[in-house]
């Protein structure tokens, strides 16, 4: 937490004035009604508040930062006691010369200066005001600091998400450019088609999702479809099926969340595989969850390990930032199929 002297201007001046004004009014009416003497109550409160206010701010902006925040508690107590004694002397003298020769009319008997009971009563009164004002002020500062820290954490999370999302883009485009280069070496007539699809992918990444945290799932599937068409150009025999089992028109999801899973299906499933098969299943569950499953076959002789790299490592980090523990990401092998299932909460516009 910041030192208090660094925060003292966080609360607007008018809020200080409102506090002291209402506090004064409460005391004026309270003691005026109690003694049935509003004239005396007004004068005595004017005097007392002229001492309360400097003491409170001296405590907040000097004693606490210099001694409490540096763990010099003994010096703080000494400083506070000296301050209380100065306030006592000033109040006693000013009361005697400006208000009443009786320095403590409320006691219903005459007291002389430095009487122990009078000293204790004045000090307790000052500590009472000090405790109320300081507690309220420090509570407001703590609330503002908590809100500031929350905003900082939120900004940091957004920056991390943006970094992770941006990390996907160069990784993906690098792979696509490699594919395009290989096709150009073969003088393939597929090159123009690849360039057009790549431009559509770049438009989506650079403009459609640049400043957004959620995109319509339909647009995300358009992006996925273009990506699949580009990947198909690398394989002689590949079959991709997309099965959407429920209405997704109003579903929104974080952008580029599924592309790494699809990329891994092509990357790992295509090794020594002359008949690559990929199936994508997508459905909503009770309108609150989205279940995304991708399956790809692989050659049984291929030694299959848990898929790693930028793709899955990236998606796990993004999922943790976006949903904390409210998601499921599972990997498994069934026969000669590698299966990844992702389940996330969804934003539904209905």
Foldseek 3Di string as FASTA:
>chain_A
DDQQLVCVVVDPPVVVVVVLVVVLVVQLVVVCVVVVNSPLSNVLSVLLVVLLVVLLCCCRNPLCRVAVVVPNVVVSVVVNVVSLVVSLVSLQVCCCPPPHVQSCVVVVDGDDPPDPVSSVVSSVVSVVSNCVVVVVVVVVSVVVVVVVVVVVVVVVLVVLLLVLLVVVVVVLVVVLVVLLVVCVVVVHPCNVVSVVLVVVLCCCSVPVPNPDQKDQVVVLVVSVVSSVVSLVVVAPAEEEEEAEDDDRRQWIDGHPLCNLVVVVLSVQQVDVDNHKYKYWYWYADPLWKIKIKMKIFHDPVDDDDPDDDSRVVSNVVSCCSPPNPQKDWDWDDDDRMTMIMIMHTIDGPD
